[in-house]
Amino acid sequence: MTVITLFTTVGCHLCEQAEAILNAIDAQIVSIEIGDDDDLVAHYGTSIPVLKFADNSELNWPFELKEIERKINQLI
């Protein structure tokens, strides 16, 4: 199963929208709370939600279901 990392934070309405999109995907979603790590806040603080894939590529918001599915298919 494909693993997708979602960089997120509490109170992020865009992150909630991203989670709703991800619910339609057959993948394991690992949510990372950036607020717990100063380095992650510095790197992702203004760009969350961000998806990270097994090949270390990232997809920044805004993204759609089709984009995520295309990326997953490239990794298979």
C-alpha atoms as a PDB file:
ATOM      1  CA  MET A   1       0.000   0.000   0.000  1.00  0.00           C
ATOM      2  CA  THR A   2       1.197   3.492  -0.834  1.00  0.00           C
ATOM      3  CA  VAL A   3       2.186   5.681   2.104  1.00  0.00           C
ATOM      4  CA  ILE A   4       1.535   9.416   1.896  1.00  0.00           C
ATOM      5  CA  THR A   5       2.724  11.826   4.566  1.00  0.00           C
ATOM      6  CA  LEU A   6       0.482  14.816   5.242  1.00  0.00           C
ATOM      7  CA  PHE A   7       2.152  17.779   6.908  1.00  0.00           C
ATOM      8  CA  THR A   8      -0.561  19.556   8.861  1.00  0.00           C
ATOM      9  CA  THR A   9      -1.300  21.582  11.970  1.00  0.00           C
ATOM     10  CA  VAL A  10      -4.168  22.138  14.378  1.00  0.00           C
ATOM     11  CA  GLY A  11      -6.791  24.607  13.192  1.00  0.00           C
ATOM     12  CA  CYS A  12      -5.745  24.499   9.540  1.00  0.00           C
ATOM     13  CA  HIS A  13      -8.961  24.505   7.491  1.00  0.00           C
ATOM     14  CA  LEU A  14      -7.036  23.783   4.285  1.00  0.00           C
ATOM     15  CA  CYS A  15      -5.533  20.732   5.990  1.00  0.00           C
ATOM     16  CA  GLU A  16      -9.044  19.536   6.799  1.00  0.00           C
ATOM     17  CA  GLN A  17      -9.945  19.888   3.110  1.00  0.00           C
ATOM     18  CA  ALA A  18      -6.825  17.915   2.179  1.00  0.00           C
ATOM     19  CA  GLU A  19      -7.771  15.153   4.635  1.00  0.00           C
ATOM     20  CA  ALA A  20     -11.219  14.938   3.031  1.00  0.00           C
ATOM     21  CA  ILE A  21      -9.602  14.443  -0.384  1.00  0.00           C
ATOM     22  CA  LEU A  22      -7.218  11.836   1.012  1.00  0.00           C
ATOM     23  CA  ASN A  23     -10.128   9.841   2.458  1.00  0.00           C
ATOM     24  CA  ALA A  24     -11.033   8.901  -1.128  1.00  0.00           C
ATOM     25  CA  ILE A  25      -7.627   7.323  -1.755  1.00  0.00           C
ATOM     26  CA  ASP A  26      -6.562   3.755  -1.043  1.00  0.00           C
ATOM     27  CA  ALA A  27      -3.344   4.702   0.725  1.00  0.00           C
ATOM     28  CA  GLN A  28      -1.901   4.807   4.207  1.00  0.00           C
ATOM     29  CA  ILE A  29      -1.925   8.424   5.368  1.00  0.00           C
ATOM     30  CA  VAL A  30       0.588   9.473   8.011  1.00  0.00           C
ATOM     31  CA  SER A  31      -0.215  12.883   9.487  1.00  0.00           C
ATOM     32  CA  ILE A  32       2.678  14.911  10.850  1.00  0.00           C
ATOM     33  CA  GLU A  33       1.880  17.816  13.180  1.00  0.00           C
ATOM     34  CA  ILE A  34       4.400  20.487  12.215  1.00  0.00           C
ATOM     35  CA  GLY A  35       3.705  22.532  15.347  1.00  0.00           C
ATOM     36  CA  ASP A  36       5.697  20.005  17.386  1.00  0.00           C
ATOM     37  CA  ASP A  37       8.944  20.669  15.501  1.00  0.00           C
ATOM     38  CA  ASP A  38      10.519  24.092  14.922  1.00  0.00           C
ATOM     39  CA  ASP A  39      12.334  22.869  11.806  1.00  0.00           C
ATOM     40  CA  LEU A  40       9.084  21.646  10.267  1.00  0.00           C
ATOM     41  CA  VAL A  41       7.375  24.936  11.103  1.00  0.00           C
ATOM     42  CA  ALA A  42      10.216  26.820   9.417  1.00  0.00           C
ATOM     43  CA  HIS A  43      10.035  24.594   6.342  1.00  0.00           C
ATOM     44  CA  TYR A  44       6.269  24.036   5.954  1.00  0.00           C
ATOM     45  CA  GLY A  45       4.661  26.757   8.070  1.00  0.00           C
ATOM     46  CA  THR A  46       3.393  28.859   5.170  1.00  0.00           C
ATOM     47  CA  SER A  47       2.739  26.062   2.691  1.00  0.00           C
ATOM     48  CA  ILE A  48       0.691  23.420   4.532  1.00  0.00           C
ATOM     49  CA  PRO A  49      -0.997  21.213   3.728  1.00  0.00           C
ATOM     50  CA  VAL A  50       1.827  19.421   1.934  1.00  0.00           C
ATOM     51  CA  LEU A  51       1.877  15.801   0.810  1.00  0.00           C
ATOM     52  CA  LYS A  52       5.132  13.838   0.728  1.00  0.00           C
ATOM     53  CA  PHE A  53       5.470  10.604  -1.219  1.00  0.00           C
ATOM     54  CA  ALA A  54       7.791   7.592  -0.959  1.00  0.00           C
ATOM     55  CA  ASP A  55      10.175   9.065  -3.544  1.00  0.00           C
ATOM     56  CA  ASN A  56      10.452  12.215  -1.345  1.00  0.00           C
ATOM     57  CA  SER A  57       8.581  14.327  -3.891  1.00  0.00           C
ATOM     58  CA  GLU A  58       6.079  16.768  -2.471  1.00  0.00           C
ATOM     59  CA  LEU A  59       2.761  18.153  -3.592  1.00  0.00           C
ATOM     60  CA  ASN A  60       1.791  21.549  -2.210  1.00  0.00           C
ATOM     61  CA  TRP A  61      -1.727  22.841  -1.731  1.00  0.00           C
ATOM     62  CA  PRO A  62      -3.857  23.351  -3.683  1.00  0.00           C
ATOM     63  CA  PHE A  63      -4.055  19.817  -5.046  1.00  0.00           C
ATOM     64  CA  GLU A  64      -6.856  17.648  -6.351  1.00  0.00           C
ATOM     65  CA  LEU A  65      -7.655  13.964  -6.180  1.00  0.00           C
ATOM     66  CA  LYS A  66      -6.545  13.410  -9.790  1.00  0.00           C
ATOM     67  CA  GLU A  67      -3.086  14.840  -9.078  1.00  0.00           C
ATOM     68  CA  ILE A  68      -2.613  12.553  -6.096  1.00  0.00           C
ATOM     69  CA  GLU A  69      -3.803   9.501  -8.017  1.00  0.00           C
ATOM     70  CA  ARG A  70      -1.448  10.337 -10.902  1.00  0.00           C
ATOM     71  CA  LYS A  71       1.475  10.562  -8.486  1.00  0.00           C
ATOM     72  CA  ILE A  72       0.575   7.250  -6.851  1.00  0.00           C
ATOM     73  CA  ASN A  73       0.398   5.578 -10.265  1.00  0.00           C
ATOM     74  CA  GLN A  74       3.869   6.906 -11.107  1.00  0.00           C
ATOM     75  CA  LEU A  75       5.226   5.284  -7.953  1.00  0.00           C
ATOM     76  CA  ILE A  76       3.719   1.862  -8.570  1.00  0.00           C
END
